[in-house]
Amino acid sequence: MTTPAPLAAPYASPPSGRLEKTHLRLGFVALSDAAPLIAAKLLEFGHAHGLTLELQRQPSWAAVRDKLLSGDLDAAHALYGLVYGVELGLGAPRTEMAVLMVLNRNGQAITLSNRLADALAEHGTLPRALATLGRKPVFAQTFPTGTHAMWLYYWLASQGIDPLRDIESVVIPPPQMVAPLADDKLDGLCVGEPWNALAEAQRVGTTVAYTSEVWPDHPEKVLACRRDFVDTHPNASRALVQTMLEACRWLDGAGHREDIARWLARPDYIGIDETQIAARLGAQAGIGAGHHSACVSPRNPPVRFFDDGTVNYPHPFEGAWFLTQFERWGMIDARTDYAQIAARINQTQLYREAASRVNVAVPDEQMTRVLIDGEVWGSGATSAAYAQRFAIRR
């Protein structure tokens, strides 16, 4: 399979100041939402900004975390909640972290075993369906403080299930999710695509909810690094954000979802049939062309990578939400400084500088999100007592 010819970046501007480092090692996990990194590398968007990118696929989110902390990776495609967990020292040595930008929104799902999905269809509610198993159900997510764990727990609680008491929660790397579902070792899972699509294609599971139902247009993967990397390499960090914004903008172009699905299917990226990747990436929806497919609906909007920059701004209030959920599920004690923590992690000023250099508008910071249970979280929200408002919590 031929490699696409590098494209000239039409929006590029010369780097501002000498780059402290020009060769950057970026980590990613085999998921469809690694698309910005793959596009940036294969189309060499970094060259216009003085960068050469080296991509390194990682077997798990724990590996991403460890290699960021050791310095083996300069930056990575990472779970939003993973970054915040490391900042607080949850499951790893406490390390000051940075979120440079949001890489995507939506694009994850909750899939049940066929047995449990059939019971849900028959009995109408998840508690009744789980009761038919006759044992404690086992659900998988991908990292203890990660987005998939938070979406799974939030969804279960919205269905009347206590994720701390009513289920067993296990951690499995995304590419390894489908096999235990096929072997009846899992009753459900929450993971990014294309692994939910593959489970359905192999007839071993049924997708029953999309994470965009839990939080419409939720932030998902971020471009992350250690904060000392930003401190020592501010120009290179800014150039990296410029590069990734170019890649995200490219992904919104007509026909480009089909291209990226084909490239992601390569063995060194995801390594499964491109039709399973394309189905929920939006390729079959004809992004930019006004077409639709059965996989794209109001319940399951296509994964968003750019949308004129509305996807990518690292809103601190969105990061602070993950801290409220860490509190809700007993990972941390209640604190009053969530907004301050988020403001330190999310590199909003650096992002604004990078966006201005590639003609990307910065969205309004004043906004409100309504989640599946009617709870509201927004830029004016306060963390005080928020986690204690939920009926189901630690």
Protein backbone atom coordinates (compact mmCIF):
# COMPACT_ATOMS: atom_id res chain seq x y z
CA MET A 1 0.00 0.00 0.00
CA THR A 2 1.49 3.31 -1.03
CA THR A 3 2.05 6.13 1.42
CA PRO A 4 0.16 9.34 0.59
CA ALA A 5 2.28 12.15 -0.72
CA PRO A 6 2.92 14.89 1.86
CA LEU A 7 0.68 17.90 1.49
CA ALA A 8 1.65 21.50 1.74
CA ALA A 9 -0.13 23.06 4.70
CA PRO A 10 -2.03 26.01 3.22
CA TYR A 11 -2.61 27.68 6.59
CA ALA A 12 0.92 27.30 7.93
CA SER A 13 2.99 30.15 9.25
CA PRO A 14 6.71 29.95 10.08
CA PRO A 15 7.51 28.84 13.60
CA SER A 16 7.76 31.73 16.05
CA GLY A 17 11.19 31.42 17.64
CA ARG A 18 13.76 28.67 17.34
CA LEU A 19 12.36 25.20 18.03
CA GLU A 20 14.02 23.64 21.04
CA LYS A 21 13.44 20.19 19.53
CA THR A 22 12.50 19.27 15.97
CA HIS A 23 12.08 15.48 16.16
CA LEU A 24 9.15 14.53 18.39
CA ARG A 25 8.16 11.03 19.47
CA LEU A 26 4.40 10.67 19.77
CA GLY A 27 2.58 7.72 21.29
CA PHE A 28 -0.84 6.39 20.33
CA VAL A 29 -3.09 3.42 21.04
CA ALA A 30 -4.80 1.48 18.24
CA LEU A 31 -8.06 3.42 18.08
CA SER A 32 -9.86 5.33 15.35
CA ASP A 33 -9.47 8.58 17.24
CA ALA A 34 -5.70 8.39 16.79
CA ALA A 35 -6.53 9.66 13.29
CA PRO A 36 -5.07 13.17 13.81
CA LEU A 37 -1.65 11.72 14.64
CA ILE A 38 -1.70 9.30 11.71
CA ALA A 39 -2.81 12.03 9.28
CA ALA A 40 -0.20 14.43 10.64
CA LYS A 41 2.56 11.87 10.10
CA LEU A 42 1.53 10.45 6.74
CA LEU A 43 0.85 13.89 5.25
CA GLU A 44 3.85 15.39 7.07
CA PHE A 45 1.96 18.44 8.31
CA GLY A 46 4.75 18.95 10.82
CA HIS A 47 7.30 19.93 8.18
CA ALA A 48 5.64 23.30 7.61
CA HIS A 49 6.08 23.98 11.32
CA GLY A 50 9.67 22.75 11.58
CA LEU A 51 8.83 19.33 13.02
CA THR A 52 9.44 15.72 12.11
CA LEU A 53 7.08 13.31 13.85
CA GLU A 54 7.84 9.75 14.88
CA LEU A 55 4.79 7.68 15.83
CA GLN A 56 5.07 4.84 18.33
CA ARG A 57 2.08 2.54 18.84
CA GLN A 58 1.60 1.52 22.47
CA PRO A 59 -0.09 -1.68 23.66
CA SER A 60 -2.09 -0.03 26.44
CA TRP A 61 -2.86 3.25 28.18
CA ALA A 62 -0.60 2.21 31.04
CA ALA A 63 2.25 2.02 28.53
CA VAL A 64 1.39 5.51 27.25
CA ARG A 65 1.47 6.81 30.81
CA ASP A 66 4.75 5.13 31.67
CA LYS A 67 6.56 6.28 28.54
CA LEU A 68 5.36 9.85 28.97
CA LEU A 69 6.66 9.84 32.52
CA SER A 70 9.99 8.26 31.59
CA GLY A 71 10.55 10.66 28.69
CA ASP A 72 10.51 7.91 26.07
CA LEU A 73 7.59 9.81 24.51
CA ASP A 74 7.49 13.56 24.10
CA ALA A 75 3.69 13.69 23.79
CA ALA A 76 0.82 11.31 23.16
CA HIS A 77 -2.75 10.64 22.14
CA ALA A 78 -4.15 10.11 25.65
CA LEU A 79 -7.31 9.61 27.64
CA TYR A 80 -8.38 12.93 29.17
CA GLY A 81 -8.89 11.37 32.58
CA LEU A 82 -5.51 9.59 32.47
CA VAL A 83 -3.74 12.94 32.38
CA TYR A 84 -5.71 14.25 35.35
CA GLY A 85 -5.14 11.05 37.29
CA VAL A 86 -1.36 11.28 36.86
CA GLU A 87 -1.46 14.94 37.97
CA LEU A 88 -3.00 13.74 41.25
CA GLY A 89 -0.74 10.72 41.63
CA LEU A 90 -3.51 8.15 41.08
CA GLY A 91 -1.88 4.87 40.08
CA ALA A 92 1.43 6.53 39.19
CA PRO A 93 4.01 8.86 40.70
CA ARG A 94 2.46 12.32 40.93
CA THR A 95 3.70 14.26 37.90
CA GLU A 96 2.69 17.68 36.63
CA MET A 97 0.95 17.13 33.30
CA ALA A 98 -0.26 19.22 30.37
CA VAL A 99 -3.23 18.99 28.04
CA LEU A 100 -2.23 20.80 24.85
CA MET A 101 -5.51 20.36 22.94
CA VAL A 102 -8.54 18.12 22.52
CA LEU A 103 -8.08 15.70 19.60
CA ASN A 104 -11.67 14.53 19.22
CA ARG A 105 -15.18 14.41 20.62
CA ASN A 106 -17.61 11.46 20.62
CA GLY A 107 -16.63 8.15 19.02
CA GLN A 108 -16.88 5.70 21.96
CA ALA A 109 -19.60 3.22 22.88
CA ILE A 110 -20.91 0.69 25.38
CA THR A 111 -21.35 -2.85 24.07
CA LEU A 112 -23.03 -5.73 25.89
CA SER A 113 -22.69 -9.45 25.38
CA ASN A 114 -25.45 -10.81 23.17
CA ARG A 115 -26.94 -12.65 26.15
CA LEU A 116 -27.17 -9.48 28.23
CA ALA A 117 -28.35 -7.37 25.31
CA ASP A 118 -31.14 -9.89 24.65
CA ALA A 119 -32.12 -9.81 28.33
CA LEU A 120 -32.19 -6.01 28.23
CA ALA A 121 -34.46 -6.07 25.19
CA GLU A 122 -36.74 -8.60 26.90
CA HIS A 123 -36.92 -7.10 30.39
CA GLY A 124 -36.69 -3.42 29.52
CA THR A 125 -34.32 -2.22 32.25
CA LEU A 126 -30.67 -2.91 32.94
CA PRO A 127 -31.19 -3.97 36.59
CA ARG A 128 -33.71 -6.61 35.51
CA ALA A 129 -31.47 -7.76 32.70
CA LEU A 130 -28.45 -8.10 35.01
CA ALA A 131 -30.54 -10.11 37.47
CA THR A 132 -30.94 -12.83 34.85
CA LEU A 133 -27.21 -13.55 34.93
CA GLY A 134 -27.39 -15.07 38.42
CA ARG A 135 -23.95 -13.69 39.34
CA LYS A 136 -22.06 -10.43 39.57
CA PRO A 137 -21.64 -9.04 36.04
CA VAL A 138 -18.20 -8.19 34.68
CA PHE A 139 -17.67 -4.98 32.70
CA ALA A 140 -14.44 -3.81 31.11
CA GLN A 141 -13.00 -0.35 30.64
CA THR A 142 -9.55 0.71 29.49
CA PHE A 143 -7.90 2.62 32.39
CA PRO A 144 -9.01 3.29 35.98
CA THR A 145 -9.12 7.10 35.68
CA GLY A 146 -9.76 7.14 31.94
CA THR A 147 -12.68 8.41 29.96
CA HIS A 148 -14.09 4.95 29.28
CA ALA A 149 -14.27 4.18 33.00
CA MET A 150 -16.04 7.49 33.64
CA TRP A 151 -18.51 7.04 30.76
CA LEU A 152 -19.25 3.44 31.83
CA TYR A 153 -19.79 4.33 35.49
CA TYR A 154 -21.91 7.36 34.64
CA TRP A 155 -24.08 5.36 32.22
CA LEU A 156 -24.52 2.48 34.65
CA ALA A 157 -25.53 4.88 37.44
CA SER A 158 -28.02 6.56 35.11
CA GLN A 159 -29.59 3.11 34.62
CA GLY A 160 -29.82 2.49 38.38
CA ILE A 161 -26.68 0.33 38.68
CA ASP A 162 -24.01 1.13 41.27
CA PRO A 163 -20.67 0.54 39.50
CA LEU A 164 -18.81 0.24 42.80
CA ARG A 165 -21.06 -2.45 44.27
CA ASP A 166 -23.23 -4.06 41.58
CA ILE A 167 -20.59 -4.98 39.00
CA GLU A 168 -16.98 -6.11 38.77
CA SER A 169 -14.94 -3.60 36.77
CA VAL A 170 -11.79 -4.80 34.99
CA VAL A 171 -9.17 -3.03 32.89
CA ILE A 172 -8.41 -4.35 29.39
CA PRO A 173 -6.43 -2.56 26.64
CA PRO A 174 -8.68 -1.54 23.71
CA PRO A 175 -7.36 -4.01 21.08
CA GLN A 176 -7.86 -6.89 23.53
CA MET A 177 -11.51 -6.14 24.36
CA VAL A 178 -13.34 -8.26 21.79
CA ALA A 179 -11.71 -11.62 22.55
CA PRO A 180 -12.94 -11.94 26.18
CA LEU A 181 -16.39 -10.79 25.07
CA ALA A 182 -16.38 -13.60 22.51
CA ASP A 183 -15.25 -16.05 25.22
CA ASP A 184 -18.13 -15.07 27.56
CA LYS A 185 -15.68 -13.61 30.08
CA LEU A 186 -17.26 -10.16 29.84
CA ASP A 187 -20.86 -9.02 30.09
CA GLY A 188 -20.17 -5.54 28.77
CA LEU A 189 -17.48 -3.04 27.92
CA CYS A 190 -16.85 0.59 27.17
CA VAL A 191 -14.17 1.32 24.60
CA GLY A 192 -13.38 3.50 21.63
CA GLU A 193 -13.92 2.51 18.04
CA PRO A 194 -13.41 0.43 16.03
CA TRP A 195 -13.63 -2.24 18.71
CA ASN A 196 -17.38 -1.91 19.34
CA ALA A 197 -17.97 -2.14 15.60
CA LEU A 198 -15.73 -5.21 15.40
CA ALA A 199 -17.65 -6.93 18.23
CA GLU A 200 -20.89 -6.44 16.31
CA ALA A 201 -19.31 -7.55 13.03
CA GLN A 202 -18.12 -10.74 14.71
CA ARG A 203 -21.60 -11.18 16.25
CA VAL A 204 -20.23 -11.41 19.80
CA GLY A 205 -21.78 -8.21 21.18
CA THR A 206 -24.38 -5.51 20.69
CA THR A 207 -23.81 -1.79 21.09
CA VAL A 208 -26.56 -0.45 23.35
CA ALA A 209 -25.35 3.08 24.07
CA TYR A 210 -22.98 5.67 22.70
CA THR A 211 -20.95 7.91 24.95
CA SER A 212 -22.38 10.89 23.08
CA GLU A 213 -25.64 9.98 24.83
CA VAL A 214 -23.94 10.26 28.23
CA TRP A 215 -22.43 13.66 27.39
CA PRO A 216 -23.26 15.02 23.93
CA ASP A 217 -20.06 16.09 22.14
CA HIS A 218 -17.93 15.14 25.12
CA PRO A 219 -14.17 15.64 25.01
CA GLU A 220 -12.35 12.35 24.58
CA LYS A 221 -8.68 11.99 23.63
CA VAL A 222 -6.25 14.83 24.19
CA LEU A 223 -2.75 15.66 23.09
CA ALA A 224 -0.83 15.31 26.34
CA CYS A 225 2.68 15.69 27.67
CA ARG A 226 4.48 16.41 30.91
CA ARG A 227 4.31 20.02 31.99
CA ASP A 228 8.08 20.30 32.16
CA PHE A 229 8.17 19.45 28.45
CA VAL A 230 6.08 22.55 27.74
CA ASP A 231 8.23 24.62 30.06
CA THR A 232 11.45 23.56 28.35
CA HIS A 233 10.11 23.30 24.80
CA PRO A 234 7.45 26.04 24.47
CA ASN A 235 8.11 26.70 20.77
CA ALA A 236 8.15 23.01 19.87
CA SER A 237 4.96 22.46 21.89
CA ARG A 238 3.25 25.33 20.07
CA ALA A 239 4.43 23.98 16.70
CA LEU A 240 3.04 20.55 17.63
CA VAL A 241 -0.39 22.02 18.38
CA GLN A 242 -0.28 23.89 15.05
CA THR A 243 0.56 20.62 13.31
CA MET A 244 -2.28 18.72 14.96
CA LEU A 245 -4.77 21.48 14.20
CA GLU A 246 -3.78 21.17 10.53
CA ALA A 247 -4.40 17.43 10.72
CA CYS A 248 -7.77 17.84 12.45
CA ARG A 249 -8.83 20.40 9.84
CA TRP A 250 -7.78 18.02 7.06
CA LEU A 251 -9.93 15.24 8.55
CA ASP A 252 -13.03 17.38 8.00
CA GLY A 253 -12.39 17.61 4.25
CA ALA A 254 -14.72 15.81 1.85
CA GLY A 255 -13.58 12.22 1.33
CA HIS A 256 -10.84 12.39 3.93
CA ARG A 257 -12.63 10.11 6.40
CA GLU A 258 -12.47 7.37 3.75
CA ASP A 259 -8.76 8.04 3.31
CA ILE A 260 -7.96 7.92 7.00
CA ALA A 261 -10.04 4.74 7.50
CA ARG A 262 -7.92 3.08 4.83
CA TRP A 263 -4.68 4.26 6.43
CA LEU A 264 -5.77 3.31 9.95
CA ALA A 265 -6.42 -0.23 8.70
CA ARG A 266 -2.69 -0.76 8.14
CA PRO A 267 -1.06 -3.34 10.43
CA ASP A 268 1.19 -0.75 12.09
CA TYR A 269 -1.80 1.40 13.14
CA ILE A 270 -4.99 -0.60 13.93
CA GLY A 271 -4.77 -3.57 11.63
CA ILE A 272 -8.38 -4.60 11.02
CA ASP A 273 -10.65 -4.39 7.97
CA GLU A 274 -11.12 -0.77 6.98
CA THR A 275 -14.91 -1.24 6.65
CA GLN A 276 -15.12 -1.77 10.43
CA ILE A 277 -13.16 1.43 11.00
CA ALA A 278 -15.10 3.45 8.43
CA ALA A 279 -18.52 2.38 9.74
CA ARG A 280 -18.35 4.54 12.88
CA LEU A 281 -15.70 7.01 11.88
CA GLY A 282 -18.18 8.86 9.70
CA ALA A 283 -16.60 7.79 6.43
CA GLN A 284 -19.82 6.14 5.27
CA ALA A 285 -21.73 9.20 6.36
CA GLY A 286 -20.03 11.20 3.65
CA ILE A 287 -18.67 13.86 5.99
CA GLY A 288 -18.74 17.12 4.09
CA ALA A 289 -21.00 15.67 1.41
CA GLY A 290 -24.41 15.62 3.12
CA HIS A 291 -24.94 11.84 3.06
CA HIS A 292 -25.95 9.59 5.94
CA SER A 293 -25.52 6.00 7.02
CA ALA A 294 -27.21 3.70 9.50
CA CYS A 295 -24.22 4.04 11.83
CA VAL A 296 -24.55 7.81 12.13
CA SER A 297 -27.63 9.15 13.88
CA PRO A 298 -28.63 11.66 16.56
CA ARG A 299 -27.75 8.94 19.11
CA ASN A 300 -24.40 8.28 17.46
CA PRO A 301 -23.05 11.39 15.76
CA PRO A 302 -19.75 10.89 13.96
CA VAL A 303 -16.56 11.42 15.87
CA ARG A 304 -15.64 15.11 15.64
CA PHE A 305 -12.08 16.17 14.99
CA PHE A 306 -12.28 19.87 14.09
CA ASP A 307 -15.56 21.61 13.16
CA ASP A 308 -13.84 24.95 12.58
CA GLY A 309 -11.88 24.57 15.81
CA THR A 310 -14.85 24.07 18.13
CA VAL A 311 -13.58 20.57 18.95
CA ASN A 312 -10.03 21.36 19.95
CA TYR A 313 -9.95 24.12 22.58
CA PRO A 314 -8.93 22.59 25.95
CA HIS A 315 -11.70 24.07 28.11
CA PRO A 316 -10.57 23.85 31.75
CA PHE A 317 -14.14 23.32 32.97
CA GLU A 318 -14.31 20.10 30.94
CA GLY A 319 -11.15 18.82 32.59
CA ALA A 320 -12.46 19.76 36.03
CA TRP A 321 -15.48 17.51 35.43
CA PHE A 322 -13.24 14.46 35.54
CA LEU A 323 -12.03 15.51 38.98
CA THR A 324 -15.64 15.61 40.20
CA GLN A 325 -16.08 12.05 38.99
CA PHE A 326 -12.87 10.90 40.69
CA GLU A 327 -14.43 12.26 43.88
CA ARG A 328 -17.79 10.68 43.12
CA TRP A 329 -16.25 7.22 42.79
CA GLY A 330 -13.99 7.50 45.83
CA MET A 331 -10.68 7.90 44.01
CA ILE A 332 -9.96 11.19 45.77
CA ASP A 333 -11.33 13.07 48.75
CA ALA A 334 -13.45 16.15 48.10
CA ARG A 335 -11.45 19.25 47.23
CA THR A 336 -12.29 22.85 46.42
CA ASP A 337 -9.51 23.53 43.92
CA TYR A 338 -10.67 21.60 40.84
CA ALA A 339 -10.83 24.75 38.71
CA GLN A 340 -7.29 25.71 39.71
CA ILE A 341 -5.96 22.22 38.93
CA ALA A 342 -7.60 22.30 35.50
CA ALA A 343 -6.23 25.76 34.77
CA ARG A 344 -2.70 24.49 35.46
CA ILE A 345 -3.07 21.36 33.30
CA ASN A 346 -4.91 22.79 30.28
CA GLN A 347 -2.53 24.96 28.27
CA THR A 348 -5.07 27.47 27.03
CA GLN A 349 -2.65 30.32 26.32
CA LEU A 350 -0.30 28.12 24.31
CA TYR A 351 -3.31 26.76 22.41
CA ARG A 352 -4.55 30.27 21.59
CA GLU A 353 -1.13 31.24 20.27
CA ALA A 354 -0.94 28.12 18.10
CA ALA A 355 -4.50 28.52 16.81
CA SER A 356 -3.89 32.12 15.78
CA ARG A 357 -0.87 31.03 13.72
CA VAL A 358 -2.93 28.57 11.67
CA ASN A 359 -6.08 30.71 11.40
CA VAL A 360 -8.23 28.63 13.73
CA ALA A 361 -10.89 30.47 15.71
CA VAL A 362 -11.08 29.93 19.46
CA PRO A 363 -14.63 29.07 20.56
CA ASP A 364 -16.58 30.87 23.26
CA GLU A 365 -15.51 29.70 26.70
CA GLN A 366 -18.97 30.25 28.20
CA MET A 367 -21.02 27.10 27.69
CA THR A 368 -23.10 24.52 29.51
CA ARG A 369 -23.32 20.74 29.10
CA VAL A 370 -26.38 18.64 30.02
CA LEU A 371 -25.62 14.97 30.69
CA ILE A 372 -27.76 11.86 30.33
CA ASP A 373 -29.27 12.16 33.83
CA GLY A 374 -30.13 15.86 33.44
CA GLU A 375 -27.19 17.05 35.54
CA VAL A 376 -25.64 20.28 34.27
CA TRP A 377 -21.95 21.11 34.11
CA GLY A 378 -20.58 24.25 32.52
CA SER A 379 -17.95 26.95 32.48
CA GLY A 380 -19.60 28.62 35.47
CA ALA A 381 -20.07 25.40 37.46
CA THR A 382 -18.55 24.99 40.88
CA SER A 383 -17.13 21.71 42.12
CA ALA A 384 -18.29 22.31 45.70
CA ALA A 385 -20.69 19.50 46.63
CA TYR A 386 -21.25 18.61 42.95
CA ALA A 387 -20.20 14.97 43.37
CA GLN A 388 -22.42 14.65 46.46
CA ARG A 389 -25.53 15.54 44.45
CA PHE A 390 -25.63 12.12 42.82
CA ALA A 391 -27.82 9.45 44.38
CA ILE A 392 -25.34 6.76 43.35
CA ARG A 393 -21.78 7.47 44.49
CA ARG A 394 -19.19 6.06 46.85
